[in-house]
PDB file of N, CA and C in Angstrom:
ATOM      1  N   MET A   1      -2.053  -2.836  17.541  1.00  0.00           N
ATOM      2  CA  MET A   1      -0.908  -2.815  17.649  1.00  0.00           C
ATOM      3  C   MET A   1      -0.083  -3.982  18.002  1.00  0.00           C
ATOM      4  N   TYR A   2       1.188  -4.578  16.395  1.00  0.00           N
ATOM      5  CA  TYR A   2       1.675  -5.390  16.031  1.00  0.00           C
ATOM      6  C   TYR A   2       3.062  -5.694  17.100  1.00  0.00           C
ATOM      7  N   LEU A   3       3.197  -6.572  17.511  1.00  0.00           N
ATOM      8  CA  LEU A   3       3.973  -7.163  18.394  1.00  0.00           C
ATOM      9  C   LEU A   3       5.006  -8.176  17.414  1.00  0.00           C
ATOM     10  N   GLY A   4       4.782  -8.714  16.447  1.00  0.00           N
ATOM     11  CA  GLY A   4       5.401 -10.053  15.504  1.00  0.00           C
ATOM     12  C   GLY A   4       6.806  -9.653  15.158  1.00  0.00           C
ATOM     13  N   PRO A   5       7.253 -10.090  14.235  1.00  0.00           N
ATOM     14  CA  PRO A   5       8.603  -9.800  13.618  1.00  0.00           C
ATOM     15  C   PRO A   5       8.487  -8.096  12.528  1.00  0.00           C
ATOM     16  N   ARG A   6       9.856  -7.456  13.116  1.00  0.00           N
ATOM     17  CA  ARG A   6       9.615  -6.553  11.643  1.00  0.00           C
ATOM     18  C   ARG A   6      10.605  -7.072  10.832  1.00  0.00           C
ATOM     19  N   GLY A   7       9.950  -6.001   9.928  1.00  0.00           N
ATOM     20  CA  GLY A   7      10.510  -6.054   8.846  1.00  0.00           C
ATOM     21  C   GLY A   7      10.184  -5.648   7.246  1.00  0.00           C
ATOM     22  N   PRO A   8      10.115  -5.749   6.151  1.00  0.00           N
ATOM     23  CA  PRO A   8       9.622  -5.099   5.023  1.00  0.00           C
ATOM     24  C   PRO A   8       8.055  -5.590   4.711  1.00  0.00           C
ATOM     25  N   ARG A   9       8.015  -6.681   5.019  1.00  0.00           N
ATOM     26  CA  ARG A   9       6.769  -7.500   4.955  1.00  0.00           C
ATOM     27  C   ARG A   9       5.686  -7.331   6.034  1.00  0.00           C
ATOM     28  N   ALA A  10       6.254  -6.990   7.412  1.00  0.00           N
ATOM     29  CA  ALA A  10       5.156  -7.140   8.519  1.00  0.00           C
ATOM     30  C   ALA A  10       3.888  -6.205   8.268  1.00  0.00           C
ATOM     31  N   PRO A  11       3.049  -6.893   8.714  1.00  0.00           N
ATOM     32  CA  PRO A  11       1.959  -6.368   8.156  1.00  0.00           C
ATOM     33  C   PRO A  11       1.125  -5.002   9.083  1.00  0.00           C
ATOM     34  N   THR A  12       0.558  -3.933   9.381  1.00  0.00           N
ATOM     35  CA  THR A  12       0.358  -2.777   9.839  1.00  0.00           C
ATOM     36  C   THR A  12      -0.817  -2.486   9.864  1.00  0.00           C
ATOM     37  N   ILE A  13      -1.366  -1.591  10.720  1.00  0.00           N
ATOM     38  CA  ILE A  13      -3.094  -1.409  10.274  1.00  0.00           C
ATOM     39  C   ILE A  13      -2.911  -0.593   9.226  1.00  0.00           C
ATOM     40  N   GLY A  14      -2.285   0.337   9.258  1.00  0.00           N
ATOM     41  CA  GLY A  14      -2.476   1.154   7.657  1.00  0.00           C
ATOM     42  C   GLY A  14      -2.763   0.454   6.271  1.00  0.00           C
ATOM     43  N   ASP A  15      -2.309  -0.992   6.338  1.00  0.00           N
ATOM     44  CA  ASP A  15      -2.649  -1.917   5.248  1.00  0.00           C
ATOM     45  C   ASP A  15      -4.337  -1.918   5.165  1.00  0.00           C
ATOM     46  N   LEU A  16      -5.171  -1.796   5.742  1.00  0.00           N
ATOM     47  CA  LEU A  16      -6.330  -1.672   5.673  1.00  0.00           C
ATOM     48  C   LEU A  16      -7.044  -0.798   5.331  1.00  0.00           C
ATOM     49  N   GLY A  17      -6.236   0.539   5.523  1.00  0.00           N
ATOM     50  CA  GLY A  17      -6.627   2.388   5.714  1.00  0.00           C
ATOM     51  C   GLY A  17      -6.211   2.615   4.014  1.00  0.00           C
ATOM     52  N   TYR A  18      -5.097   2.387   3.528  1.00  0.00           N
ATOM     53  CA  TYR A  18      -4.697   2.959   2.164  1.00  0.00           C
ATOM     54  C   TYR A  18      -4.969   2.589   0.779  1.00  0.00           C
ATOM     55  N   GLU A  19      -5.184   1.387   0.533  1.00  0.00           N
ATOM     56  CA  GLU A  19      -5.336   0.555  -0.285  1.00  0.00           C
ATOM     57  C   GLU A  19      -5.822  -0.499  -0.353  1.00  0.00           C
ATOM     58  N   ARG A  20      -7.103  -1.006  -1.812  1.00  0.00           N
ATOM     59  CA  ARG A  20      -7.756  -2.263  -1.541  1.00  0.00           C
ATOM     60  C   ARG A  20      -6.962  -3.455  -1.257  1.00  0.00           C
ATOM     61  N   GLY A  21      -7.012  -4.437  -0.817  1.00  0.00           N
ATOM     62  CA  GLY A  21      -6.516  -5.516  -0.678  1.00  0.00           C
ATOM     63  C   GLY A  21      -5.659  -5.932  -1.786  1.00  0.00           C
ATOM     64  N   ALA A  22      -6.659  -6.084  -2.441  1.00  0.00           N
ATOM     65  CA  ALA A  22      -5.936  -6.885  -3.690  1.00  0.00           C
ATOM     66  C   ALA A  22      -4.933  -6.371  -4.989  1.00  0.00           C
ATOM     67  N   THR A  23      -5.125  -5.151  -4.345  1.00  0.00           N
ATOM     68  CA  THR A  23      -4.058  -3.794  -5.511  1.00  0.00           C
ATOM     69  C   THR A  23      -2.879  -3.701  -4.305  1.00  0.00           C
ATOM     70  N   ALA A  24      -2.871  -3.730  -2.630  1.00  0.00           N
ATOM     71  CA  ALA A  24      -1.888  -3.123  -2.032  1.00  0.00           C
ATOM     72  C   ALA A  24      -0.635  -3.267  -3.057  1.00  0.00           C
ATOM     73  N   GLY A  25      -0.002  -2.362  -2.456  1.00  0.00           N
ATOM     74  CA  GLY A  25       1.752  -2.278  -3.041  1.00  0.00           C
ATOM     75  C   GLY A  25       1.607  -1.758  -4.108  1.00  0.00           C
ATOM     76  N   ASN A  26       0.746  -1.655  -4.532  1.00  0.00           N
ATOM     77  CA  ASN A  26       1.049  -1.261  -6.355  1.00  0.00           C
ATOM     78  C   ASN A  26       0.899   0.075  -6.609  1.00  0.00           C
ATOM     79  N   ARG A  27       0.817   1.531  -5.551  1.00  0.00           N
ATOM     80  CA  ARG A  27       0.640   2.548  -6.104  1.00  0.00           C
ATOM     81  C   ARG A  27       1.806   2.926  -5.487  1.00  0.00           C
ATOM     82  N   SER A  28       2.535   4.184  -6.304  1.00  0.00           N
ATOM     83  CA  SER A  28       3.981   4.130  -6.468  1.00  0.00           C
ATOM     84  C   SER A  28       3.890   5.736  -5.591  1.00  0.00           C
ATOM     85  N   ASP A  29       2.616   6.203  -5.469  1.00  0.00           N
ATOM     86  CA  ASP A  29       2.311   7.417  -4.608  1.00  0.00           C
ATOM     87  C   ASP A  29       2.059   7.170  -2.610  1.00  0.00           C
ATOM     88  N   ILE A  30       1.921   5.886  -2.464  1.00  0.00           N
ATOM     89  CA  ILE A  30       2.062   5.657  -1.161  1.00  0.00           C
ATOM     90  C   ILE A  30       3.088   4.818  -0.136  1.00  0.00           C
ATOM     91  N   TYR A  31       3.708   5.507   0.317  1.00  0.00           N
ATOM     92  CA  TYR A  31       4.544   5.137   1.224  1.00  0.00           C
ATOM     93  C   TYR A  31       4.054   4.397   2.477  1.00  0.00           C
ATOM     94  N   ARG A  32       4.899   3.497   2.870  1.00  0.00           N
ATOM     95  CA  ARG A  32       4.749   3.030   4.511  1.00  0.00           C
ATOM     96  C   ARG A  32       5.838   2.674   5.049  1.00  0.00           C
ATOM     97  N   PHE A  33       5.989   3.228   6.472  1.00  0.00           N
ATOM     98  CA  PHE A  33       6.921   2.969   7.668  1.00  0.00           C
ATOM     99  C   PHE A  33       6.912   2.432   9.032  1.00  0.00           C
ATOM    100  N   MET A  34       7.852   2.081   8.912  1.00  0.00           N
ATOM    101  CA  MET A  34       7.952   1.129  10.329  1.00  0.00           C
ATOM    102  C   MET A  34       8.776   1.880  11.471  1.00  0.00           C
ATOM    103  N   VAL A  35       8.662   2.743  12.913  1.00  0.00           N
ATOM    104  CA  VAL A  35       9.400   3.330  13.430  1.00  0.00           C
ATOM    105  C   VAL A  35       9.918   2.119  14.606  1.00  0.00           C
ATOM    106  N   PRO A  36      10.784   1.477  14.954  1.00  0.00           N
ATOM    107  CA  PRO A  36      11.096   0.513  15.917  1.00  0.00           C
ATOM    108  C   PRO A  36      10.891   1.643  17.057  1.00  0.00           C
ATOM    109  N   ASP A  37      10.404   0.665  18.150  1.00  0.00           N
ATOM    110  CA  ASP A  37      10.340   1.264  19.523  1.00  0.00           C
ATOM    111  C   ASP A  37       9.487   2.253  19.729  1.00  0.00           C
ATOM    112  N   VAL A  38       8.203   2.653  18.970  1.00  0.00           N
ATOM    113  CA  VAL A  38       6.850   3.293  18.797  1.00  0.00           C
ATOM    114  C   VAL A  38       6.041   2.838  18.612  1.00  0.00           C
ATOM    115  N   MET A  39       5.173   2.395  19.491  1.00  0.00           N
ATOM    116  CA  MET A  39       3.969   1.404  19.934  1.00  0.00           C
ATOM    117  C   MET A  39       2.454   2.318  19.631  1.00  0.00           C
ATOM    118  N   HIS A  40       2.461   2.855  18.055  1.00  0.00           N
ATOM    119  CA  HIS A  40       1.448   3.554  17.699  1.00  0.00           C
ATOM    120  C   HIS A  40       1.180   2.801  16.388  1.00  0.00           C
ATOM    121  N   GLU A  41       0.087   3.116  15.247  1.00  0.00           N
ATOM    122  CA  GLU A  41      -0.450   2.765  14.273  1.00  0.00           C
ATOM    123  C   GLU A  41       0.185   3.443  13.258  1.00  0.00           C
ATOM    124  N   ALA A  42      -0.016   4.500  13.816  1.00  0.00           N
ATOM    125  CA  ALA A  42       0.576   6.063  12.370  1.00  0.00           C
ATOM    126  C   ALA A  42       1.053   6.805  12.986  1.00  0.00           C
ATOM    127  N   PHE A  43       1.306   8.066  12.731  1.00  0.00           N
ATOM    128  CA  PHE A  43       1.975   8.876  12.814  1.00  0.00           C
ATOM    129  C   PHE A  43       1.634   9.667  13.503  1.00  0.00           C
ATOM    130  N   THR A  44       2.188  10.421  14.880  1.00  0.00           N
ATOM    131  CA  THR A  44       1.102  10.859  15.641  1.00  0.00           C
ATOM    132  C   THR A  44       2.265  11.979  16.787  1.00  0.00           C
ATOM    133  N   ASP A  45       2.205  12.893  17.148  1.00  0.00           N
ATOM    134  CA  ASP A  45       2.583  13.474  18.207  1.00  0.00           C
ATOM    135  C   ASP A  45       1.940  13.490  19.413  1.00  0.00           C
ATOM    136  N   GLN A  46       1.250  11.938  19.587  1.00  0.00           N
ATOM    137  CA  GLN A  46       0.706  12.077  21.038  1.00  0.00           C
ATOM    138  C   GLN A  46       1.607  11.554  22.265  1.00  0.00           C
ATOM    139  N   GLY A  47       3.101  10.691  21.714  1.00  0.00           N
ATOM    140  CA  GLY A  47       3.520  10.653  23.141  1.00  0.00           C
ATOM    141  C   GLY A  47       4.400  11.563  23.451  1.00  0.00           C
ATOM    142  N   VAL A  48       4.474  12.912  22.801  1.00  0.00           N
ATOM    143  CA  VAL A  48       5.188  13.933  23.859  1.00  0.00           C
ATOM    144  C   VAL A  48       4.206  14.877  24.215  1.00  0.00           C
ATOM    145  N   THR A  49       2.754  14.749  23.801  1.00  0.00           N
ATOM    146  CA  THR A  49       1.745  15.384  24.351  1.00  0.00           C
ATOM    147  C   THR A  49       1.134  14.971  25.200  1.00  0.00           C
ATOM    148  N   VAL A  50       0.410  13.641  25.484  1.00  0.00           N
ATOM    149  CA  VAL A  50      -0.501  12.773  26.231  1.00  0.00           C
ATOM    150  C   VAL A  50       0.202  12.201  27.402  1.00  0.00           C
ATOM    151  N   GLN A  51      -0.299  12.973  28.663  1.00  0.00           N
ATOM    152  CA  GLN A  51       0.304  12.548  30.177  1.00  0.00           C
ATOM    153  C   GLN A  51      -0.897  11.244  30.698  1.00  0.00           C
ATOM    154  N   ASP A  52      -1.388  11.027  30.296  1.00  0.00           N
ATOM    155  CA  ASP A  52      -1.593  10.086  30.928  1.00  0.00           C
ATOM    156  C   ASP A  52      -0.607   8.658  30.596  1.00  0.00           C
ATOM    157  N   THR A  53      -0.581   8.104  31.928  1.00  0.00           N
ATOM    158  CA  THR A  53       0.353   6.769  31.975  1.00  0.00           C
ATOM    159  C   THR A  53       0.116   5.342  30.889  1.00  0.00           C
ATOM    160  N   LEU A  54      -1.324   5.148  31.102  1.00  0.00           N
ATOM    161  CA  LEU A  54      -1.550   3.907  29.752  1.00  0.00           C
ATOM    162  C   LEU A  54      -1.580   4.526  28.242  1.00  0.00           C
ATOM    163  N   ILE A  55      -1.942   5.528  28.182  1.00  0.00           N
ATOM    164  CA  ILE A  55      -1.632   5.854  26.561  1.00  0.00           C
ATOM    165  C   ILE A  55      -0.034   5.975  26.425  1.00  0.00           C
ATOM    166  N   ARG A  56       0.515   6.879  27.345  1.00  0.00           N
ATOM    167  CA  ARG A  56       2.099   6.759  26.682  1.00  0.00           C
ATOM    168  C   ARG A  56       2.774   5.698  26.828  1.00  0.00           C
ATOM    169  N   PHE A  57       1.892   4.486  28.193  1.00  0.00           N
ATOM    170  CA  PHE A  57       2.944   3.040  27.831  1.00  0.00           C
ATOM    171  C   PHE A  57       2.752   2.366  25.964  1.00  0.00           C
ATOM    172  N   ARG A  58       1.188   2.625  25.284  1.00  0.00           N
ATOM    173  CA  ARG A  58       1.065   2.164  24.353  1.00  0.00           C
ATOM    174  C   ARG A  58       1.498   2.877  23.271  1.00  0.00           C
ATOM    175  N   LEU A  59       2.215   3.873  23.345  1.00  0.00           N
ATOM    176  CA  LEU A  59       3.233   4.503  22.613  1.00  0.00           C
ATOM    177  C   LEU A  59       4.312   4.737  22.604  1.00  0.00           C
ATOM    178  N   GLY A  60       5.124   3.989  23.708  1.00  0.00           N
ATOM    179  CA  GLY A  60       6.127   3.622  23.905  1.00  0.00           C
ATOM    180  C   GLY A  60       6.854   4.426  25.016  1.00  0.00           C
ATOM    181  N   ASP A  61       8.300   4.557  25.202  1.00  0.00           N
ATOM    182  CA  ASP A  61       8.637   4.901  26.028  1.00  0.00           C
ATOM    183  C   ASP A  61       9.628   6.797  25.824  1.00  0.00           C
ATOM    184  N   SER A  62       9.529   7.541  26.738  1.00  0.00           N
ATOM    185  CA  SER A  62       9.216   8.994  26.019  1.00  0.00           C
ATOM    186  C   SER A  62      10.787   9.290  25.358  1.00  0.00           C
ATOM    187  N   ALA A  63      11.545   8.847  25.416  1.00  0.00           N
ATOM    188  CA  ALA A  63      12.235   9.297  24.142  1.00  0.00           C
ATOM    189  C   ALA A  63      12.191   8.582  22.683  1.00  0.00           C
ATOM    190  N   ALA A  64      11.590   7.718  22.619  1.00  0.00           N
ATOM    191  CA  ALA A  64      11.027   6.907  21.479  1.00  0.00           C
ATOM    192  C   ALA A  64      10.359   7.472  21.012  1.00  0.00           C
ATOM    193  N   ALA A  65       9.099   8.529  21.643  1.00  0.00           N
ATOM    194  CA  ALA A  65       8.386   9.300  21.379  1.00  0.00           C
ATOM    195  C   ALA A  65       8.520  10.333  20.753  1.00  0.00           C
ATOM    196  N   ALA A  66       9.419  10.930  21.616  1.00  0.00           N
ATOM    197  CA  ALA A  66       9.986  12.751  21.245  1.00  0.00           C
ATOM    198  C   ALA A  66      11.053  12.130  19.704  1.00  0.00           C
ATOM    199  N   ARG A  67      11.517  11.422  19.807  1.00  0.00           N
ATOM    200  CA  ARG A  67      12.197  10.950  18.373  1.00  0.00           C
ATOM    201  C   ARG A  67      11.717  10.631  17.286  1.00  0.00           C
ATOM    202  N   ASN A  68      10.209  10.141  17.653  1.00  0.00           N
ATOM    203  CA  ASN A  68       9.426  10.047  16.516  1.00  0.00           C
ATOM    204  C   ASN A  68       8.899  11.114  16.202  1.00  0.00           C
ATOM    205  N   VAL A  69       8.409  11.954  16.414  1.00  0.00           N
ATOM    206  CA  VAL A  69       7.645  13.341  16.185  1.00  0.00           C
ATOM    207  C   VAL A  69       9.111  13.640  15.134  1.00  0.00           C
ATOM    208  N   GLN A  70      10.119  13.911  15.680  1.00  0.00           N
ATOM    209  CA  GLN A  70      11.902  14.141  14.340  1.00  0.00           C
ATOM    210  C   GLN A  70      11.346  13.571  13.473  1.00  0.00           C
ATOM    211  N   VAL A  71      11.126  11.806  13.221  1.00  0.00           N
ATOM    212  CA  VAL A  71      11.339  11.202  12.564  1.00  0.00           C
ATOM    213  C   VAL A  71      10.530  11.292  11.302  1.00  0.00           C
ATOM    214  N   GLN A  72       9.028  11.538  11.966  1.00  0.00           N
ATOM    215  CA  GLN A  72       7.935  12.162  10.784  1.00  0.00           C
ATOM    216  C   GLN A  72       7.726  13.147  10.340  1.00  0.00           C
ATOM    217  N   ASN A  73       8.437  14.393  11.146  1.00  0.00           N
ATOM    218  CA  ASN A  73       8.693  15.589  10.711  1.00  0.00           C
ATOM    219  C   ASN A  73       9.830  15.578   9.466  1.00  0.00           C
ATOM    220  N   ASP A  74      10.736  14.596   9.371  1.00  0.00           N
ATOM    221  CA  ASP A  74      11.521  14.733   8.398  1.00  0.00           C
ATOM    222  C   ASP A  74      10.951  14.010   7.185  1.00  0.00           C
ATOM    223  N   LEU A  75      10.340  12.155   7.795  1.00  0.00           N
ATOM    224  CA  LEU A  75       9.456  11.801   6.329  1.00  0.00           C
ATOM    225  C   LEU A  75       8.663  12.989   5.799  1.00  0.00           C
ATOM    226  N   VAL A  76       7.613  13.817   6.153  1.00  0.00           N
ATOM    227  CA  VAL A  76       6.237  14.111   5.853  1.00  0.00           C
ATOM    228  C   VAL A  76       7.444  15.356   4.903  1.00  0.00           C
ATOM    229  N   LEU A  77       8.085  16.017   5.392  1.00  0.00           N
ATOM    230  CA  LEU A  77       8.797  17.375   4.948  1.00  0.00           C
ATOM    231  C   LEU A  77       9.759  16.403   4.027  1.00  0.00           C
ATOM    232  N   GLY A  78      10.299  15.647   3.740  1.00  0.00           N
ATOM    233  CA  GLY A  78      10.298  15.082   2.297  1.00  0.00           C
ATOM    234  C   GLY A  78       9.405  14.704   1.222  1.00  0.00           C
ATOM    235  N   PHE A  79       8.381  14.150   1.791  1.00  0.00           N
ATOM    236  CA  PHE A  79       7.744  13.819   0.886  1.00  0.00           C
ATOM    237  C   PHE A  79       7.065  14.680   0.115  1.00  0.00           C
ATOM    238  N   LEU A  80       6.838  15.867   1.016  1.00  0.00           N
ATOM    239  CA  LEU A  80       6.125  17.209   0.322  1.00  0.00           C
ATOM    240  C   LEU A  80       7.172  17.931  -0.510  1.00  0.00           C
ATOM    241  N   ASP A  81       8.105  18.162  -0.399  1.00  0.00           N
ATOM    242  CA  ASP A  81       9.321  18.351  -0.857  1.00  0.00           C
ATOM    243  C   ASP A  81       9.625  17.973  -2.291  1.00  0.00           C
ATOM    244  N   CYS A  82       9.342  16.840  -2.170  1.00  0.00           N
ATOM    245  CA  CYS A  82       9.101  15.688  -3.633  1.00  0.00           C
ATOM    246  C   CYS A  82       7.919  15.640  -4.551  1.00  0.00           C
ATOM    247  N   ASP A  83       6.740  15.528  -3.865  1.00  0.00           N
ATOM    248  CA  ASP A  83       5.515  14.644  -4.833  1.00  0.00           C
ATOM    249  C   ASP A  83       5.077  16.074  -4.775  1.00  0.00           C
ATOM    250  N   VAL A  84       4.523  17.477  -3.998  1.00  0.00           N
ATOM    251  CA  VAL A  84       4.527  18.488  -3.909  1.00  0.00           C
ATOM    252  C   VAL A  84       4.995  19.729  -4.884  1.00  0.00           C
ATOM    253  N   LYS A  85       5.865  20.002  -4.382  1.00  0.00           N
ATOM    254  CA  LYS A  85       7.381  20.920  -4.645  1.00  0.00           C
ATOM    255  C   LYS A  85       8.311  20.201  -6.148  1.00  0.00           C
ATOM    256  N   GLY A  86       7.831  19.041  -6.137  1.00  0.00           N
ATOM    257  CA  GLY A  86       8.891  18.691  -7.232  1.00  0.00           C
ATOM    258  C   GLY A  86      10.234  18.282  -7.158  1.00  0.00           C
ATOM    259  N   LEU A  87      10.852  18.735  -6.030  1.00  0.00           N
ATOM    260  CA  LEU A  87      12.331  18.427  -5.650  1.00  0.00           C
ATOM    261  C   LEU A  87      12.792  17.122  -5.965  1.00  0.00           C
ATOM    262  N   ALA A  88      14.200  17.462  -6.154  1.00  0.00           N
ATOM    263  CA  ALA A  88      14.669  15.877  -6.271  1.00  0.00           C
ATOM    264  C   ALA A  88      15.297  15.780  -5.279  1.00  0.00           C
ATOM    265  N   ASN A  89      14.917  15.210  -4.240  1.00  0.00           N
ATOM    266  CA  ASN A  89      15.412  15.339  -2.985  1.00  0.00           C
ATOM    267  C   ASN A  89      15.970  13.737  -2.526  1.00  0.00           C
ATOM    268  N   GLY A  90      15.649  12.785  -3.395  1.00  0.00           N
ATOM    269  CA  GLY A  90      15.703  11.526  -2.819  1.00  0.00           C
ATOM    270  C   GLY A  90      14.960  11.325  -2.375  1.00  0.00           C
ATOM    271  N   TYR A  91      13.798  11.021  -1.828  1.00  0.00           N
ATOM    272  CA  TYR A  91      12.824  11.086  -1.107  1.00  0.00           C
ATOM    273  C   TYR A  91      12.137   9.253  -1.446  1.00  0.00           C
ATOM    274  N   PRO A  92      12.303   8.302  -0.839  1.00  0.00           N
ATOM    275  CA  PRO A  92      12.764   8.141   0.568  1.00  0.00           C
ATOM    276  C   PRO A  92      14.225   7.722   0.918  1.00  0.00           C
ATOM    277  N   ALA A  93      14.543   7.393  -0.103  1.00  0.00           N
ATOM    278  CA  ALA A  93      16.019   7.007   0.601  1.00  0.00           C
ATOM    279  C   ALA A  93      17.357   8.024   1.116  1.00  0.00           C
ATOM    280  N   THR A  94      16.771   9.072   1.474  1.00  0.00           N
ATOM    281  CA  THR A  94      17.260  10.311   1.853  1.00  0.00           C
ATOM    282  C   THR A  94      17.612  10.356   3.314  1.00  0.00           C
ATOM    283  N   GLU A  95      15.682  10.187   3.734  1.00  0.00           N
ATOM    284  CA  GLU A  95      15.455   9.551   4.551  1.00  0.00           C
ATOM    285  C   GLU A  95      16.020   8.134   5.252  1.00  0.00           C
ATOM    286  N   LEU A  96      15.282   7.495   4.697  1.00  0.00           N
ATOM    287  CA  LEU A  96      16.298   5.913   5.261  1.00  0.00           C
ATOM    288  C   LEU A  96      17.494   6.055   5.248  1.00  0.00           C
ATOM    289  N   ARG A  97      18.507   6.766   4.385  1.00  0.00           N
ATOM    290  CA  ARG A  97      20.193   6.305   5.105  1.00  0.00           C
ATOM    291  C   ARG A  97      19.880   7.209   6.644  1.00  0.00           C
ATOM    292  N   ARG A  98      19.026   8.391   6.462  1.00  0.00           N
ATOM    293  CA  ARG A  98      18.820   9.416   8.058  1.00  0.00           C
ATOM    294  C   ARG A  98      18.729   8.598   9.030  1.00  0.00           C
ATOM    295  N   TYR A  99      18.154   7.924   8.934  1.00  0.00           N
ATOM    296  CA  TYR A  99      17.577   7.008  10.011  1.00  0.00           C
ATOM    297  C   TYR A  99      17.834   5.251   9.982  1.00  0.00           C
ATOM    298  N   PRO A 100      18.541   4.714   9.881  1.00  0.00           N
ATOM    299  CA  PRO A 100      18.877   3.563   9.535  1.00  0.00           C
ATOM    300  C   PRO A 100      17.844   2.113  10.224  1.00  0.00           C
ATOM    301  N   ASP A 101      17.436   2.030  11.190  1.00  0.00           N
ATOM    302  CA  ASP A 101      16.460   2.015  11.774  1.00  0.00           C
ATOM    303  C   ASP A 101      14.935   1.635  11.069  1.00  0.00           C
ATOM    304  N   LEU A 102      14.766   2.452  10.147  1.00  0.00           N
ATOM    305  CA  LEU A 102      13.844   2.888   9.985  1.00  0.00           C
ATOM    306  C   LEU A 102      13.415   2.012   8.948  1.00  0.00           C
ATOM    307  N   ILE A 103      12.061   1.179   8.759  1.00  0.00           N
ATOM    308  CA  ILE A 103      11.837   0.184   8.207  1.00  0.00           C
ATOM    309  C   ILE A 103      10.709   0.552   7.212  1.00  0.00           C
ATOM    310  N   HIS A 104      11.306   0.512   5.373  1.00  0.00           N
ATOM    311  CA  HIS A 104      10.305   1.127   4.544  1.00  0.00           C
ATOM    312  C   HIS A 104       9.775  -0.719   4.392  1.00  0.00           C
ATOM    313  N   LEU A 105       8.163  -0.170   4.598  1.00  0.00           N
ATOM    314  CA  LEU A 105       7.527  -1.021   3.930  1.00  0.00           C
ATOM    315  C   LEU A 105       6.980  -1.742   2.983  1.00  0.00           C
ATOM    316  N   ASP A 106       7.357  -3.075   2.647  1.00  0.00           N
ATOM    317  CA  ASP A 106       7.412  -3.083   1.313  1.00  0.00           C
ATOM    318  C   ASP A 106       5.898  -3.962   1.134  1.00  0.00           C
ATOM    319  N   ARG A 107       4.993  -3.474  -0.207  1.00  0.00           N
ATOM    320  CA  ARG A 107       3.314  -4.028   0.206  1.00  0.00           C
ATOM    321  C   ARG A 107       3.362  -4.362  -1.067  1.00  0.00           C
ATOM    322  N   ARG A 108       4.643  -4.541  -1.955  1.00  0.00           N
ATOM    323  CA  ARG A 108       4.259  -4.940  -3.809  1.00  0.00           C
ATOM    324  C   ARG A 108       3.794  -6.432  -3.660  1.00  0.00           C
ATOM    325  N   ARG A 109       3.172  -6.860  -4.565  1.00  0.00           N
ATOM    326  CA  ARG A 109       2.423  -8.599  -4.800  1.00  0.00           C
ATOM    327  C   ARG A 109       3.615  -8.943  -5.266  1.00  0.00           C
ATOM    328  N   LYS A 110       4.413 -10.502  -5.254  1.00  0.00           N
ATOM    329  CA  LYS A 110       4.850 -11.235  -6.233  1.00  0.00           C
ATOM    330  C   LYS A 110       4.151 -11.222  -7.066  1.00  0.00           C
ATOM    331  N   LYS A 111       4.519 -11.535  -8.527  1.00  0.00           N
ATOM    332  CA  LYS A 111       3.845 -12.054  -9.463  1.00  0.00           C
ATOM    333  C   LYS A 111       4.075 -13.199  -8.964  1.00  0.00           C
ATOM    334  N   PRO A 112       2.718 -14.545  -9.757  1.00  0.00           N
ATOM    335  CA  PRO A 112       2.954 -15.578  -9.688  1.00  0.00           C
ATOM    336  C   PRO A 112       3.779 -16.178 -10.682  1.00  0.00           C
ATOM    337  N   ARG A 113       4.210 -17.665 -10.347  1.00  0.00           N
ATOM    338  CA  ARG A 113       5.436 -17.763 -11.371  1.00  0.00           C
ATOM    339  C   ARG A 113       4.253 -18.492 -12.774  1.00  0.00           C
TER     340      ARG A 113
END
């Protein structure tokens, strides 16, 4: 669980799972988002389905967990509509406007000077 500063360059556990470290951020088909107030490393509906108090604490409060389900549904649907159906839906800009607190993580490497 990352508890440091939030922002486009904040590290996440996902940094280890989707791309090689040396080339992270170079693929245009990988999107990373951070949902504030949800303490979980990946999109999941566990926050609204799990009853165990300790697990729910790790996932965030119940209102944040329930909102996370809507956020992830909108992000996944937007992605699928854009990349699978080929619709010009403005993904992910549309979702970032709908959820202004959502952080679009930027893993592009800065070019050396």
